[in-house]
Amino acid sequence: MLDLSIIIVNYKTPQLILNCLASVYAHTSGINVEVIIVDNQSNDDSKAIIQQAYPTVRWFDMGYNAGFARANNLGIKHAQGRNVLLLNSDTLLLDNLLARCVRVLDENPDVAAVGAHQLSRDRQLRPNLYTTFGQMRRAFYIIPITPFFQKLLYRFVPDTQYADPSQVDWLSGAFLMTRPSTIARAGGLDESFFMYGEDVEWGHRLGQQGRMLLLPDAAFVHLEYGSSTDYQQHEVTYINRFKPQVQVSQLLWIRKQYGAGAYLLLMLHYVTMIPIVFLWKMAVNLRNRQPLFSELENQRAFAQQVRIFLRFFWQTLFNRPGFYKV
């Protein structure tokens, strides 16, 4: 049996996948691997380009842009390895990380999944990456940046504490290795998610099957947003921290894992914040002797984001299966 099935979802990123696979084959030794690519209706020459360079790649077409969860589930269904790895197309390996992860799973049956630290394109450890559910949940609340409010939020949404410093709540789907037997017990990725948040929700179910380990001194390069053409135009501000698709997916995760009450509280927070952010900015304008309604673009963008969240309100509240795509 193959030691590992590597599953990569493609959406118009043939060159990124060529670079990724070059790093995989250059650095992987001691294990037998197969590569499965699932295409989300790229409508380009991705298949010909990639299979010309790597003819052993197994290729599957979704037939539509199915997003991350559904495409990976198809790859998992066809995987022949005794371990499976979800690997983003915009990643690069730097050493024999895959064999190390396989060895960890082989030697530790109580481990459900393993991952590695993410480096930016300049090989620096990427900051502000969440590893606990508490970190993720706290990031959704827009509160004053003062010790009092931050401490209050931390008490309200604490972090999970583990004896093993390598153990985490969830692992990024950019690099996540587990076993088909673990997936059979936990279930596959939730196909209501289009993109983002599905790995967080999956981490909760995988974590019920065993420990989730973020290996120390293990890293890969994650270029990030390889198939996103609009990320560079997304302006990140304190009140607009996430793209709409990110937050719609994360709200769905909150509802699924923590229930309707936690979801309603977060939605109430966002709706309440709309007048607050406008009034705050107008007060700043008055203090600075500027026109009352000047420079409200950020506040209008926030209101627009909340309107997008509200489009999915009833569907999310009742946890209805669907396709939560903005």
C-alpha atoms as a PDB file:
ATOM      1  CA  MET A   1       0.000   0.000   0.000  1.00  0.00           C
ATOM      2  CA  LEU A   2       1.125   3.552  -0.683  1.00  0.00           C
ATOM      3  CA  ASP A   3       2.358   5.428   2.364  1.00  0.00           C
ATOM      4  CA  LEU A   4       0.723   8.725   1.429  1.00  0.00           C
ATOM      5  CA  SER A   5      -1.844  10.242  -0.905  1.00  0.00           C
ATOM      6  CA  ILE A   6      -1.270  13.971  -1.493  1.00  0.00           C
ATOM      7  CA  ILE A   7      -4.444  15.830  -2.426  1.00  0.00           C
ATOM      8  CA  ILE A   8      -4.168  19.233  -4.101  1.00  0.00           C
ATOM      9  CA  VAL A   9      -7.164  21.306  -5.189  1.00  0.00           C
ATOM     10  CA  ASN A  10      -6.585  23.275  -8.373  1.00  0.00           C
ATOM     11  CA  TYR A  11      -8.319  26.429  -9.474  1.00  0.00           C
ATOM     12  CA  LYS A  12      -6.330  28.036 -12.281  1.00  0.00           C
ATOM     13  CA  THR A  13      -2.965  27.589 -10.546  1.00  0.00           C
ATOM     14  CA  PRO A  14      -0.928  25.255 -12.794  1.00  0.00           C
ATOM     15  CA  GLN A  15       2.391  27.025 -12.248  1.00  0.00           C
ATOM     16  CA  LEU A  16       1.948  27.039  -8.480  1.00  0.00           C
ATOM     17  CA  ILE A  17       1.253  23.302  -8.579  1.00  0.00           C
ATOM     18  CA  LEU A  18       4.323  22.671 -10.739  1.00  0.00           C
ATOM     19  CA  ASN A  19       6.426  24.528  -8.175  1.00  0.00           C
ATOM     20  CA  CYS A  20       4.739  22.687  -5.313  1.00  0.00           C
ATOM     21  CA  LEU A  21       5.267  19.264  -6.864  1.00  0.00           C
ATOM     22  CA  ALA A  22       8.872  20.076  -7.713  1.00  0.00           C
ATOM     23  CA  SER A  23       9.468  20.738  -4.017  1.00  0.00           C
ATOM     24  CA  VAL A  24       7.604  17.565  -3.026  1.00  0.00           C
ATOM     25  CA  TYR A  25       9.665  15.307  -5.271  1.00  0.00           C
ATOM     26  CA  ALA A  26      12.923  17.100  -4.521  1.00  0.00           C
ATOM     27  CA  HIS A  27      12.621  16.732  -0.746  1.00  0.00           C
ATOM     28  CA  THR A  28      10.596  13.558  -0.164  1.00  0.00           C
ATOM     29  CA  SER A  29      12.361  10.262   0.401  1.00  0.00           C
ATOM     30  CA  GLY A  30      11.761   7.031   2.288  1.00  0.00           C
ATOM     31  CA  ILE A  31       8.027   6.853   1.555  1.00  0.00           C
ATOM     32  CA  ASN A  32       5.870   6.009  -1.457  1.00  0.00           C
ATOM     33  CA  VAL A  33       3.460   8.754  -2.472  1.00  0.00           C
ATOM     34  CA  GLU A  34       0.759   9.412  -5.017  1.00  0.00           C
ATOM     35  CA  VAL A  35      -0.506  12.829  -6.064  1.00  0.00           C
ATOM     36  CA  ILE A  36      -4.192  13.487  -6.639  1.00  0.00           C
ATOM     37  CA  ILE A  37      -5.292  16.774  -8.150  1.00  0.00           C
ATOM     38  CA  VAL A  38      -8.945  17.774  -8.048  1.00  0.00           C
ATOM     39  CA  ASP A  39      -9.853  20.569 -10.449  1.00  0.00           C
ATOM     40  CA  ASN A  40     -12.566  23.106  -9.651  1.00  0.00           C
ATOM     41  CA  GLN A  41     -13.539  23.896 -13.260  1.00  0.00           C
ATOM     42  CA  SER A  42     -10.429  25.932 -14.038  1.00  0.00           C
ATOM     43  CA  ASN A  43     -11.359  26.075 -17.745  1.00  0.00           C
ATOM     44  CA  ASP A  44      -7.720  26.398 -18.729  1.00  0.00           C
ATOM     45  CA  ASP A  45      -4.789  24.187 -19.704  1.00  0.00           C
ATOM     46  CA  SER A  46      -3.941  23.173 -16.134  1.00  0.00           C
ATOM     47  CA  LYS A  47      -4.382  19.448 -16.722  1.00  0.00           C
ATOM     48  CA  ALA A  48      -2.207  19.322 -19.838  1.00  0.00           C
ATOM     49  CA  ILE A  49       0.495  21.495 -18.292  1.00  0.00           C
ATOM     50  CA  ILE A  50       0.729  19.526 -15.069  1.00  0.00           C
ATOM     51  CA  GLN A  51       0.403  16.027 -16.500  1.00  0.00           C
ATOM     52  CA  GLN A  52       3.019  16.769 -19.140  1.00  0.00           C
ATOM     53  CA  ALA A  53       5.495  17.471 -16.350  1.00  0.00           C
ATOM     54  CA  TYR A  54       4.132  14.816 -13.952  1.00  0.00           C
ATOM     55  CA  PRO A  55       2.311  12.110 -15.941  1.00  0.00           C
ATOM     56  CA  THR A  56       1.685   9.926 -12.876  1.00  0.00           C
ATOM     57  CA  VAL A  57      -0.561  12.551 -11.283  1.00  0.00           C
ATOM     58  CA  ARG A  58      -4.134  11.319 -10.896  1.00  0.00           C
ATOM     59  CA  TRP A  59      -6.568  13.966 -12.100  1.00  0.00           C
ATOM     60  CA  PHE A  60     -10.243  14.400 -11.189  1.00  0.00           C
ATOM     61  CA  ASP A  61     -12.628  17.091 -12.420  1.00  0.00           C
ATOM     62  CA  MET A  62     -15.363  18.415 -10.163  1.00  0.00           C
ATOM     63  CA  GLY A  63     -17.289  19.894 -13.100  1.00  0.00           C
ATOM     64  CA  TYR A  64     -17.973  23.124 -11.228  1.00  0.00           C
ATOM     65  CA  ASN A  65     -16.217  25.414  -8.756  1.00  0.00           C
ATOM     66  CA  ALA A  66     -16.933  23.286  -5.708  1.00  0.00           C
ATOM     67  CA  GLY A  67     -14.632  25.061  -3.284  1.00  0.00           C
ATOM     68  CA  PHE A  68     -12.209  23.477  -0.834  1.00  0.00           C
ATOM     69  CA  ALA A  69     -14.251  20.970   1.182  1.00  0.00           C
ATOM     70  CA  ARG A  70     -16.075  19.188  -1.632  1.00  0.00           C
ATOM     71  CA  ALA A  71     -12.997  18.951  -3.836  1.00  0.00           C
ATOM     72  CA  ASN A  72     -10.855  17.521  -1.039  1.00  0.00           C
ATOM     73  CA  ASN A  73     -13.569  15.020  -0.129  1.00  0.00           C
ATOM     74  CA  LEU A  74     -13.517  13.742  -3.702  1.00  0.00           C
ATOM     75  CA  GLY A  75      -9.748  13.384  -3.501  1.00  0.00           C
ATOM     76  CA  ILE A  76     -10.032  11.541  -0.181  1.00  0.00           C
ATOM     77  CA  LYS A  77     -12.590   9.174  -1.727  1.00  0.00           C
ATOM     78  CA  HIS A  78     -10.102   8.175  -4.443  1.00  0.00           C
ATOM     79  CA  ALA A  79      -6.987   8.110  -2.235  1.00  0.00           C
ATOM     80  CA  GLN A  80      -5.130   4.809  -2.119  1.00  0.00           C
ATOM     81  CA  GLY A  81      -2.570   5.677   0.564  1.00  0.00           C
ATOM     82  CA  ARG A  82      -2.711   4.623   4.195  1.00  0.00           C
ATOM     83  CA  ASN A  83      -2.316   8.338   5.028  1.00  0.00           C
ATOM     84  CA  VAL A  84      -3.709  11.382   3.256  1.00  0.00           C
ATOM     85  CA  LEU A  85      -2.338  14.914   3.082  1.00  0.00           C
ATOM     86  CA  LEU A  86      -4.360  17.999   2.247  1.00  0.00           C
ATOM     87  CA  LEU A  87      -1.843  20.319   0.603  1.00  0.00           C
ATOM     88  CA  ASN A  88      -2.493  23.750  -0.860  1.00  0.00           C
ATOM     89  CA  SER A  89      -1.299  24.482  -4.362  1.00  0.00           C
ATOM     90  CA  ASP A  90       0.573  27.561  -3.109  1.00  0.00           C
ATOM     91  CA  THR A  91       2.919  25.667  -0.792  1.00  0.00           C
ATOM     92  CA  LEU A  92       6.569  24.637  -0.990  1.00  0.00           C
ATOM     93  CA  LEU A  93       8.395  21.968   0.991  1.00  0.00           C
ATOM     94  CA  LEU A  94      11.874  22.665   2.313  1.00  0.00           C
ATOM     95  CA  ASP A  95      12.874  19.241   3.666  1.00  0.00           C
ATOM     96  CA  ASN A  96      11.640  15.677   4.090  1.00  0.00           C
ATOM     97  CA  LEU A  97       8.612  16.860   6.050  1.00  0.00           C
ATOM     98  CA  LEU A  98       6.212  14.316   4.573  1.00  0.00           C
ATOM     99  CA  ALA A  99       8.198  11.318   5.766  1.00  0.00           C
ATOM    100  CA  ARG A 100       8.468  12.864   9.215  1.00  0.00           C
ATOM    101  CA  CYS A 101       4.695  13.328   9.429  1.00  0.00           C
ATOM    102  CA  VAL A 102       4.057   9.769   8.236  1.00  0.00           C
ATOM    103  CA  ARG A 103       6.421   8.507  10.915  1.00  0.00           C
ATOM    104  CA  VAL A 104       4.597  10.480  13.609  1.00  0.00           C
ATOM    105  CA  LEU A 105       1.267   8.959  12.602  1.00  0.00           C
ATOM    106  CA  ASP A 106       2.794   5.475  12.404  1.00  0.00           C
ATOM    107  CA  GLU A 107       4.404   5.699  15.842  1.00  0.00           C
ATOM    108  CA  ASN A 108       1.524   7.451  17.639  1.00  0.00           C
ATOM    109  CA  PRO A 109      -1.870   5.812  17.098  1.00  0.00           C
ATOM    110  CA  ASP A 110      -3.417   8.315  19.531  1.00  0.00           C
ATOM    111  CA  VAL A 111      -2.569  11.187  17.138  1.00  0.00           C
ATOM    112  CA  ALA A 112      -5.432  12.054  14.791  1.00  0.00           C
ATOM    113  CA  ALA A 113      -3.635  14.531  12.534  1.00  0.00           C
ATOM    114  CA  VAL A 114      -0.346  16.394  12.141  1.00  0.00           C
ATOM    115  CA  GLY A 115       0.635  19.719  10.647  1.00  0.00           C
ATOM    116  CA  ALA A 116       3.620  22.051  10.446  1.00  0.00           C
ATOM    117  CA  HIS A 117       4.377  25.725  10.981  1.00  0.00           C
ATOM    118  CA  GLN A 118       3.815  28.114   8.090  1.00  0.00           C
ATOM    119  CA  LEU A 119       6.517  30.343   6.663  1.00  0.00           C
ATOM    120  CA  SER A 120       5.900  33.353   4.438  1.00  0.00           C
ATOM    121  CA  ARG A 121       7.430  33.624   0.975  1.00  0.00           C
ATOM    122  CA  ASP A 122      10.504  35.275   2.528  1.00  0.00           C
ATOM    123  CA  ARG A 123      10.902  32.238   4.845  1.00  0.00           C
ATOM    124  CA  GLN A 124       9.799  34.066   7.988  1.00  0.00           C
ATOM    125  CA  LEU A 125       7.428  32.472  10.485  1.00  0.00           C
ATOM    126  CA  ARG A 126       3.987  33.812   9.684  1.00  0.00           C
ATOM    127  CA  PRO A 127       2.618  35.735  12.686  1.00  0.00           C
ATOM    128  CA  ASN A 128      -0.946  35.787  14.002  1.00  0.00           C
ATOM    129  CA  LEU A 129      -1.801  32.271  12.906  1.00  0.00           C
ATOM    130  CA  TYR A 130      -4.428  30.769  15.156  1.00  0.00           C
ATOM    131  CA  THR A 131      -4.053  27.302  16.656  1.00  0.00           C
ATOM    132  CA  THR A 132      -6.885  27.364  19.220  1.00  0.00           C
ATOM    133  CA  PHE A 133     -10.602  27.814  18.809  1.00  0.00           C
ATOM    134  CA  GLY A 134     -10.465  30.604  21.392  1.00  0.00           C
ATOM    135  CA  GLN A 135      -8.002  32.646  19.349  1.00  0.00           C
ATOM    136  CA  MET A 136     -10.227  32.372  16.317  1.00  0.00           C
ATOM    137  CA  ARG A 137     -13.403  33.288  18.180  1.00  0.00           C
ATOM    138  CA  ARG A 138     -11.843  36.300  19.910  1.00  0.00           C
ATOM    139  CA  ALA A 139     -10.747  37.694  16.554  1.00  0.00           C
ATOM    140  CA  PHE A 140     -14.390  38.086  15.528  1.00  0.00           C
ATOM    141  CA  TYR A 141     -15.234  40.595  18.252  1.00  0.00           C
ATOM    142  CA  ILE A 142     -14.635  44.273  17.612  1.00  0.00           C
ATOM    143  CA  ILE A 143     -13.880  45.781  20.998  1.00  0.00           C
ATOM    144  CA  PRO A 144     -11.602  48.584  22.273  1.00  0.00           C
ATOM    145  CA  ILE A 145      -7.910  47.687  22.308  1.00  0.00           C
ATOM    146  CA  THR A 146      -7.422  48.180  26.024  1.00  0.00           C
ATOM    147  CA  PRO A 147      -6.157  45.715  28.645  1.00  0.00           C
ATOM    148  CA  PHE A 148      -9.517  45.723  30.429  1.00  0.00           C
ATOM    149  CA  PHE A 149     -11.615  44.745  27.413  1.00  0.00           C
ATOM    150  CA  GLN A 150      -9.042  42.315  26.065  1.00  0.00           C
ATOM    151  CA  LYS A 151      -8.811  40.559  29.442  1.00  0.00           C
ATOM    152  CA  LEU A 152     -12.603  40.444  29.664  1.00  0.00           C
ATOM    153  CA  LEU A 153     -12.835  38.880  26.210  1.00  0.00           C
ATOM    154  CA  TYR A 154     -10.168  36.331  27.095  1.00  0.00           C
ATOM    155  CA  ARG A 155     -12.160  35.304  30.187  1.00  0.00           C
ATOM    156  CA  PHE A 156     -15.289  35.025  28.067  1.00  0.00           C
ATOM    157  CA  VAL A 157     -13.530  33.026  25.322  1.00  0.00           C
ATOM    158  CA  PRO A 158     -10.503  31.240  26.845  1.00  0.00           C
ATOM    159  CA  ASP A 159      -7.953  29.036  25.128  1.00  0.00           C
ATOM    160  CA  THR A 160      -7.745  25.279  25.535  1.00  0.00           C
ATOM    161  CA  GLN A 161      -4.783  24.238  27.671  1.00  0.00           C
ATOM    162  CA  TYR A 162      -2.784  21.119  26.796  1.00  0.00           C
ATOM    163  CA  ALA A 163       0.056  19.393  28.637  1.00  0.00           C
ATOM    164  CA  ASP A 164       1.844  18.844  25.322  1.00  0.00           C
ATOM    165  CA  PRO A 165       2.929  22.212  23.843  1.00  0.00           C
ATOM    166  CA  SER A 166       2.670  20.689  20.352  1.00  0.00           C
ATOM    167  CA  GLN A 167      -1.023  19.873  20.756  1.00  0.00           C
ATOM    168  CA  VAL A 168      -3.490  22.312  19.205  1.00  0.00           C
ATOM    169  CA  ASP A 169      -7.237  22.566  18.646  1.00  0.00           C
ATOM    170  CA  TRP A 170      -7.058  22.486  14.857  1.00  0.00           C
ATOM    171  CA  LEU A 171      -4.645  22.451  11.936  1.00  0.00           C
ATOM    172  CA  SER A 172      -4.660  24.517   8.780  1.00  0.00           C
ATOM    173  CA  GLY A 173      -6.001  22.770   5.709  1.00  0.00           C
ATOM    174  CA  ALA A 174      -3.025  24.157   3.805  1.00  0.00           C
ATOM    175  CA  PHE A 175      -1.043  21.213   5.222  1.00  0.00           C
ATOM    176  CA  LEU A 176      -2.924  18.583   7.186  1.00  0.00           C
ATOM    177  CA  MET A 177      -2.038  14.893   7.304  1.00  0.00           C
ATOM    178  CA  THR A 178      -4.315  12.253   8.756  1.00  0.00           C
ATOM    179  CA  ARG A 179      -5.440   8.671   8.118  1.00  0.00           C
ATOM    180  CA  PRO A 180      -8.416   7.478   6.074  1.00  0.00           C
ATOM    181  CA  SER A 181      -9.441   5.417   9.115  1.00  0.00           C
ATOM    182  CA  THR A 182      -9.574   8.600  11.216  1.00  0.00           C
ATOM    183  CA  ILE A 183     -11.634  10.343   8.539  1.00  0.00           C
ATOM    184  CA  ALA A 184     -14.015   7.378   8.457  1.00  0.00           C
ATOM    185  CA  ARG A 185     -14.755   7.926  12.155  1.00  0.00           C
ATOM    186  CA  ALA A 186     -14.781  11.741  12.149  1.00  0.00           C
ATOM    187  CA  GLY A 187     -16.470  12.241   8.790  1.00  0.00           C
ATOM    188  CA  GLY A 188     -15.109  14.210   5.869  1.00  0.00           C
ATOM    189  CA  LEU A 189     -14.972  17.946   5.437  1.00  0.00           C
ATOM    190  CA  ASP A 190     -18.377  19.618   5.811  1.00  0.00           C
ATOM    191  CA  GLU A 191     -19.557  20.347   2.275  1.00  0.00           C
ATOM    192  CA  SER A 192     -21.712  23.316   3.270  1.00  0.00           C
ATOM    193  CA  PHE A 193     -18.474  25.326   3.397  1.00  0.00           C
ATOM    194  CA  PHE A 194     -17.221  26.836   0.147  1.00  0.00           C
ATOM    195  CA  MET A 195     -13.881  28.164   1.340  1.00  0.00           C
ATOM    196  CA  TYR A 196     -12.339  28.991   4.727  1.00  0.00           C
ATOM    197  CA  GLY A 197     -13.500  27.733   8.115  1.00  0.00           C
ATOM    198  CA  GLU A 198     -13.958  24.161   6.953  1.00  0.00           C
ATOM    199  CA  ASP A 199     -10.594  23.116   8.373  1.00  0.00           C
ATOM    200  CA  VAL A 200     -11.458  24.706  11.731  1.00  0.00           C
ATOM    201  CA  GLU A 201     -14.760  22.814  11.934  1.00  0.00           C
ATOM    202  CA  TRP A 202     -13.068  19.612  10.751  1.00  0.00           C
ATOM    203  CA  GLY A 203     -10.393  20.082  13.408  1.00  0.00           C
ATOM    204  CA  HIS A 204     -13.052  19.808  16.103  1.00  0.00           C
ATOM    205  CA  ARG A 205     -14.263  16.457  14.781  1.00  0.00           C
ATOM    206  CA  LEU A 206     -10.770  15.133  14.081  1.00  0.00           C
ATOM    207  CA  GLY A 207      -9.715  16.213  17.557  1.00  0.00           C
ATOM    208  CA  GLN A 208     -12.398  13.986  19.044  1.00  0.00           C
ATOM    209  CA  GLN A 209     -10.537  11.023  17.508  1.00  0.00           C
ATOM    210  CA  GLY A 210      -7.129  11.877  18.962  1.00  0.00           C
ATOM    211  CA  ARG A 211      -4.481  14.543  19.426  1.00  0.00           C
ATOM    212  CA  MET A 212      -3.895  17.273  16.831  1.00  0.00           C
ATOM    213  CA  LEU A 213      -0.171  17.989  16.636  1.00  0.00           C
ATOM    214  CA  LEU A 214       1.608  21.030  15.215  1.00  0.00           C
ATOM    215  CA  LEU A 215       5.100  19.621  14.957  1.00  0.00           C
ATOM    216  CA  PRO A 216       7.919  21.672  16.498  1.00  0.00           C
ATOM    217  CA  ASP A 217      10.808  22.589  14.210  1.00  0.00           C
ATOM    218  CA  ALA A 218       8.751  21.567  11.184  1.00  0.00           C
ATOM    219  CA  ALA A 219       7.734  24.114   8.577  1.00  0.00           C
ATOM    220  CA  PHE A 220       6.669  24.671   4.990  1.00  0.00           C
ATOM    221  CA  VAL A 221       6.294  27.782   2.859  1.00  0.00           C
ATOM    222  CA  HIS A 222       2.751  29.003   2.329  1.00  0.00           C
ATOM    223  CA  LEU A 223       2.579  31.715  -0.308  1.00  0.00           C
ATOM    224  CA  GLU A 224      -1.146  32.095   0.506  1.00  0.00           C
ATOM    225  CA  TYR A 225      -4.083  33.191  -1.631  1.00  0.00           C
ATOM    226  CA  GLY A 226      -2.546  31.635  -4.718  1.00  0.00           C
ATOM    227  CA  SER A 227      -5.879  31.291  -6.520  1.00  0.00           C
ATOM    228  CA  SER A 228      -7.341  34.538  -5.213  1.00  0.00           C
ATOM    229  CA  THR A 229      -7.073  37.395  -7.675  1.00  0.00           C
ATOM    230  CA  ASP A 230      -8.558  40.055  -5.423  1.00  0.00           C
ATOM    231  CA  TYR A 231      -6.753  39.577  -2.094  1.00  0.00           C
ATOM    232  CA  GLN A 232      -4.177  42.272  -2.708  1.00  0.00           C
ATOM    233  CA  GLN A 233      -7.010  44.759  -3.205  1.00  0.00           C
ATOM    234  CA  HIS A 234      -8.592  43.855   0.119  1.00  0.00           C
ATOM    235  CA  GLU A 235      -7.803  46.556   2.645  1.00  0.00           C
ATOM    236  CA  VAL A 236      -7.545  45.155   6.157  1.00  0.00           C
ATOM    237  CA  THR A 237      -8.680  47.501   8.923  1.00  0.00           C
ATOM    238  CA  TYR A 238      -9.612  46.971  12.554  1.00  0.00           C
ATOM    239  CA  ILE A 239     -13.324  46.745  11.800  1.00  0.00           C
ATOM    240  CA  ASN A 240     -12.921  45.027   8.419  1.00  0.00           C
ATOM    241  CA  ARG A 241     -10.465  42.275   9.236  1.00  0.00           C
ATOM    242  CA  PHE A 242     -11.699  39.518   6.959  1.00  0.00           C
ATOM    243  CA  LYS A 243     -13.018  39.091   3.461  1.00  0.00           C
ATOM    244  CA  PRO A 244     -16.797  38.434   3.380  1.00  0.00           C
ATOM    245  CA  GLN A 245     -16.348  34.798   2.364  1.00  0.00           C
ATOM    246  CA  VAL A 246     -13.974  34.215   5.276  1.00  0.00           C
ATOM    247  CA  GLN A 247     -16.390  35.564   7.821  1.00  0.00           C
ATOM    248  CA  VAL A 248     -19.510  33.920   6.398  1.00  0.00           C
ATOM    249  CA  SER A 249     -17.696  30.589   6.647  1.00  0.00           C
ATOM    250  CA  GLN A 250     -16.441  31.274  10.159  1.00  0.00           C
ATOM    251  CA  LEU A 251     -19.933  32.242  11.320  1.00  0.00           C
ATOM    252  CA  LEU A 252     -21.131  28.912   9.959  1.00  0.00           C
ATOM    253  CA  TRP A 253     -18.386  27.194  11.978  1.00  0.00           C
ATOM    254  CA  ILE A 254     -19.471  29.021  15.155  1.00  0.00           C
ATOM    255  CA  ARG A 255     -23.051  27.874  14.632  1.00  0.00           C
ATOM    256  CA  LYS A 256     -22.073  24.266  13.988  1.00  0.00           C
ATOM    257  CA  GLN A 257     -19.625  23.901  16.864  1.00  0.00           C
ATOM    258  CA  TYR A 258     -21.022  26.216  19.556  1.00  0.00           C
ATOM    259  CA  GLY A 259     -24.720  26.339  18.777  1.00  0.00           C
ATOM    260  CA  ALA A 260     -27.383  28.907  17.934  1.00  0.00           C
ATOM    261  CA  GLY A 261     -26.773  31.005  21.061  1.00  0.00           C
ATOM    262  CA  ALA A 262     -23.125  31.695  20.260  1.00  0.00           C
ATOM    263  CA  TYR A 263     -24.036  32.496  16.664  1.00  0.00           C
ATOM    264  CA  LEU A 264     -26.848  34.875  17.648  1.00  0.00           C
ATOM    265  CA  LEU A 265     -24.565  36.666  20.118  1.00  0.00           C
ATOM    266  CA  LEU A 266     -21.966  37.267  17.444  1.00  0.00           C
ATOM    267  CA  MET A 267     -24.544  38.480  14.913  1.00  0.00           C
ATOM    268  CA  LEU A 268     -26.061  40.809  17.519  1.00  0.00           C
ATOM    269  CA  HIS A 269     -22.574  42.162  18.120  1.00  0.00           C
ATOM    270  CA  TYR A 270     -22.097  42.968  14.427  1.00  0.00           C
ATOM    271  CA  VAL A 271     -25.507  44.568  13.954  1.00  0.00           C
ATOM    272  CA  THR A 272     -25.032  46.670  17.099  1.00  0.00           C
ATOM    273  CA  MET A 273     -21.608  47.772  15.918  1.00  0.00           C
ATOM    274  CA  ILE A 274     -22.943  49.406  12.737  1.00  0.00           C
ATOM    275  CA  PRO A 275     -24.251  52.593  14.418  1.00  0.00           C
ATOM    276  CA  ILE A 276     -21.368  52.549  16.893  1.00  0.00           C
ATOM    277  CA  VAL A 277     -18.632  52.664  14.241  1.00  0.00           C
ATOM    278  CA  PHE A 278     -20.438  55.439  12.368  1.00  0.00           C
ATOM    279  CA  LEU A 279     -21.006  57.542  15.505  1.00  0.00           C
ATOM    280  CA  TRP A 280     -17.421  56.997  16.632  1.00  0.00           C
ATOM    281  CA  LYS A 281     -16.010  58.201  13.309  1.00  0.00           C
ATOM    282  CA  MET A 282     -18.323  61.215  13.205  1.00  0.00           C
ATOM    283  CA  ALA A 283     -17.210  62.123  16.724  1.00  0.00           C
ATOM    284  CA  VAL A 284     -13.596  61.917  15.559  1.00  0.00           C
ATOM    285  CA  ASN A 285     -14.457  64.162  12.603  1.00  0.00           C
ATOM    286  CA  LEU A 286     -15.984  66.753  14.938  1.00  0.00           C
ATOM    287  CA  ARG A 287     -12.954  66.648  17.202  1.00  0.00           C
ATOM    288  CA  ASN A 288     -10.651  67.142  14.224  1.00  0.00           C
ATOM    289  CA  ARG A 289     -12.882  69.874  12.781  1.00  0.00           C
ATOM    290  CA  GLN A 290     -13.568  67.915   9.633  1.00  0.00           C
ATOM    291  CA  PRO A 291     -16.922  67.589   7.835  1.00  0.00           C
ATOM    292  CA  LEU A 292     -19.206  65.376   9.899  1.00  0.00           C
ATOM    293  CA  PHE A 293     -19.767  62.781   7.180  1.00  0.00           C
ATOM    294  CA  SER A 294     -16.258  62.696   5.730  1.00  0.00           C
ATOM    295  CA  GLU A 295     -14.032  59.608   5.463  1.00  0.00           C
ATOM    296  CA  LEU A 296     -16.765  57.076   6.248  1.00  0.00           C
ATOM    297  CA  GLU A 297     -15.711  54.580   3.560  1.00  0.00           C
ATOM    298  CA  ASN A 298     -14.432  52.085   6.135  1.00  0.00           C
ATOM    299  CA  GLN A 299     -17.675  52.277   8.104  1.00  0.00           C
ATOM    300  CA  ARG A 300     -19.773  51.844   4.952  1.00  0.00           C
ATOM    301  CA  ALA A 301     -17.694  48.794   4.018  1.00  0.00           C
ATOM    302  CA  PHE A 302     -18.386  47.317   7.445  1.00  0.00           C
ATOM    303  CA  ALA A 303     -22.125  47.868   7.058  1.00  0.00           C
ATOM    304  CA  GLN A 304     -21.981  46.199   3.654  1.00  0.00           C
ATOM    305  CA  GLN A 305     -20.169  43.224   5.155  1.00  0.00           C
ATOM    306  CA  VAL A 306     -22.852  42.808   7.804  1.00  0.00           C
ATOM    307  CA  ARG A 307     -25.531  42.916   5.106  1.00  0.00           C
ATOM    308  CA  ILE A 308     -23.734  40.023   3.414  1.00  0.00           C
ATOM    309  CA  PHE A 309     -23.710  38.066   6.697  1.00  0.00           C
ATOM    310  CA  LEU A 310     -27.435  38.685   7.094  1.00  0.00           C
ATOM    311  CA  ARG A 311     -28.126  37.105   3.684  1.00  0.00           C
ATOM    312  CA  PHE A 312     -27.123  33.800   5.253  1.00  0.00           C
ATOM    313  CA  PHE A 313     -28.755  34.465   8.642  1.00  0.00           C
ATOM    314  CA  TRP A 314     -31.723  32.076   8.639  1.00  0.00           C
ATOM    315  CA  GLN A 315     -29.866  29.379   6.760  1.00  0.00           C
ATOM    316  CA  THR A 316     -27.042  29.508   9.296  1.00  0.00           C
ATOM    317  CA  LEU A 317     -29.290  29.860  12.344  1.00  0.00           C
ATOM    318  CA  PHE A 318     -31.122  26.650  11.522  1.00  0.00           C
ATOM    319  CA  ASN A 319     -27.891  24.971  10.389  1.00  0.00           C
ATOM    320  CA  ARG A 320     -29.372  24.040   7.039  1.00  0.00           C
ATOM    321  CA  PRO A 321     -27.180  22.073   4.627  1.00  0.00           C
ATOM    322  CA  GLY A 322     -26.304  24.152   1.611  1.00  0.00           C
ATOM    323  CA  PHE A 323     -23.470  25.890  -0.187  1.00  0.00           C
ATOM    324  CA  TYR A 324     -22.415  28.954   1.748  1.00  0.00           C
ATOM    325  CA  LYS A 325     -20.732  30.798  -1.087  1.00  0.00           C
ATOM    326  CA  VAL A 326     -20.676  34.601  -1.207  1.00  0.00           C
END
